[in-house]
Amino acid sequence: MTAYFPAPRLRRAALVSALCAGLAVVATGCGADPDEGTNGIGKLSADQIEDKAKAAVTGAQSVHLSGTLVSGGKSFTLDMRLGADGGSGEVKSQDDTTFQLLRVGEQLYLKASAKFWGQSEAAGKLGDKFVKVPEGDPSYKQFRGFTDMHVMLDGLLGLDGKLTKGDYTKVGHTRAVQVSADAGKGGKLSVSLEGTPYPLLMERAGGAGRVELAEWGKPVELTAPAQDQTVDYGSQLPTTKEQGDGSATPAPKGSGQGTAPKR
């Protein structure tokens, strides 16, 4: 005997089948395996996922960081490409004061607008120049930290509180699984479900910033600027605008008056 299915039922079945075929993300209700084609970390616990991400970071040779950070009540936008031997990129404060950093080995260069240099007599002469940051200057360590991959990652990737595993999501075009600490209050970390389980997005606790992490392992080209594009002030950078006037982002406290630049 041939079974008879009313036309409305057939139409409903066809509709459900079409919907299931079109669902690309976590279509568990349609019988699809959400872990198919992934690296499998989605099956792990939240703590294990974090451990896998940390191990991936430890072995990484380079990364591109972009997003916002909040520190000391001030917001900063950063776009940094970091490698094993240095890094380069741009940092901008909430008042649009911008500076660029380039580190090749241990040699650090700073390029900033006249607004950054503020009251310095050299302000108008440095807008298109890279200024060498001497290792003896009090600001060297702070500026260098922006160009050090492991310093930046150690400062960014901390989750504080009990970890829970969230839904599958996407960061750009890459599938990821989210791990939250203290129900999100201690930060959220999205870890790649494709290939190496690198962190792809960090949402810091307390609204202290949101940073994307991309281009893991992509070579970072680092070349020292030409001599005619470089200024050397000797042992210290030129003085910048005083803190507290709100009109510029000063160099870290301790930067002193420089001497005549060396060419």
Foldseek 3Di string as FASTA:
>chain_A
DDDDDDPVVVVVVVVVVVVLVPDDAPSVVSVDDNLVQFPPCLVPWLVVLLVLQVVLLVPFFWKWKFWWFADPNWIKTWTKIEGQQWIWTKIATPLRWIKIWAGGRLWIWIATALLAQAPFPCSVVRNQAIETAAPLAPLSVVRRLVIHSVSVCVVFPDFDADKGKDGWDDDVNFIWTKIDHPNNQRWIWTFGRHDRGHTAWIQHHPRRIIMGMDPTRPDDDGDDDDPVRYKYQPNFDAFGDDPDPPRHDYRPPRGYHTDHIDD
